[in-house]
Amino acid sequence: MEMPRFQPTDLNALERAPTSPAALSHGLWEVLSNSVATKLKVDSYNLETGEYRVVLQGTLDLEEEKFENP
């Protein structure tokens, strides 16, 4: 049985995701949990408005996991 995995083509869906923090959080969790390496950089932060910009960089685990049926 093959488990569904996050695919590189799924990254485009993150840009189209609703802007609610909960919806974005789910998509980001999928990316992070299917990555073998990640790092984050705070690109900017505005103390007056609270606006921020972060850059997330990583490497997706592209190896397929296969499980045997019991």
Protein backbone atom coordinates (compact mmCIF):
# COMPACT_ATOMS: atom_id res chain seq x y z
CA MET A 1 0.00 0.00 0.00
CA GLU A 2 1.40 3.38 -0.97
CA MET A 3 0.85 6.40 1.28
CA PRO A 4 -0.08 9.66 -0.47
CA ARG A 5 2.78 12.10 -0.30
CA PHE A 6 3.08 15.82 -0.75
CA GLN A 7 4.23 16.43 -4.31
CA PRO A 8 6.32 19.35 -5.62
CA THR A 9 3.35 20.34 -7.79
CA ASP A 10 1.30 20.80 -4.59
CA LEU A 11 3.45 23.83 -3.72
CA ASN A 12 1.48 25.97 -6.18
CA ALA A 13 -1.68 25.24 -4.22
CA LEU A 14 -0.21 27.00 -1.18
CA GLU A 15 -0.21 30.31 -3.05
CA ARG A 16 -3.85 29.83 -4.00
CA ALA A 17 -4.90 28.73 -0.50
CA PRO A 18 -7.34 30.90 1.43
CA THR A 19 -5.54 33.52 3.46
CA SER A 20 -6.80 32.35 6.84
CA PRO A 21 -3.96 31.39 9.19
CA ALA A 22 -5.59 28.00 9.83
CA ALA A 23 -5.77 27.10 6.13
CA LEU A 24 -2.21 28.21 5.50
CA SER A 25 -1.00 26.39 8.60
CA HIS A 26 -2.36 23.08 7.29
CA GLY A 27 -0.61 23.52 3.94
CA LEU A 28 2.66 24.52 5.54
CA TRP A 29 2.49 21.55 7.91
CA GLU A 30 2.21 19.24 4.88
CA VAL A 31 5.29 20.82 3.31
CA LEU A 32 7.32 20.72 6.52
CA SER A 33 6.38 17.18 7.48
CA ASN A 34 7.38 15.92 4.02
CA SER A 35 10.73 17.70 3.96
CA VAL A 36 14.16 16.33 4.80
CA ALA A 37 15.64 19.78 5.49
CA THR A 38 14.15 23.23 6.15
CA LYS A 39 15.20 26.69 7.19
CA LEU A 40 13.39 29.97 7.71
CA LYS A 41 14.62 33.54 7.39
CA VAL A 42 12.79 36.57 8.74
CA ASP A 43 13.11 38.90 5.74
CA SER A 44 11.46 41.92 7.36
CA TYR A 45 9.33 42.97 10.31
CA ASN A 46 7.54 46.29 10.85
CA LEU A 47 7.33 47.15 14.55
CA GLU A 48 4.63 49.76 13.94
CA THR A 49 2.19 47.66 11.91
CA GLY A 50 3.11 44.10 12.92
CA GLU A 51 3.53 43.17 9.26
CA TYR A 52 6.21 40.56 8.60
CA ARG A 53 7.74 38.68 5.71
CA VAL A 54 9.41 35.28 6.07
CA VAL A 55 11.16 33.07 3.55
CA LEU A 56 10.84 29.30 3.97
CA GLN A 57 13.36 27.13 2.16
CA GLY A 58 13.64 23.38 2.19
CA THR A 59 14.06 20.10 0.40
CA LEU A 60 11.10 17.78 -0.12
CA ASP A 61 11.56 14.07 0.53
CA LEU A 62 10.87 12.69 -2.95
CA GLU A 63 11.43 9.03 -2.09
CA GLU A 64 8.20 7.05 -2.08
CA GLU A 65 7.43 5.14 1.07
CA LYS A 66 5.88 1.74 0.50
CA PHE A 67 4.26 -0.32 3.20
CA GLU A 68 3.47 -4.01 3.02
CA ASN A 69 -0.09 -5.18 3.62
CA PRO A 70 -0.34 -7.21 6.85
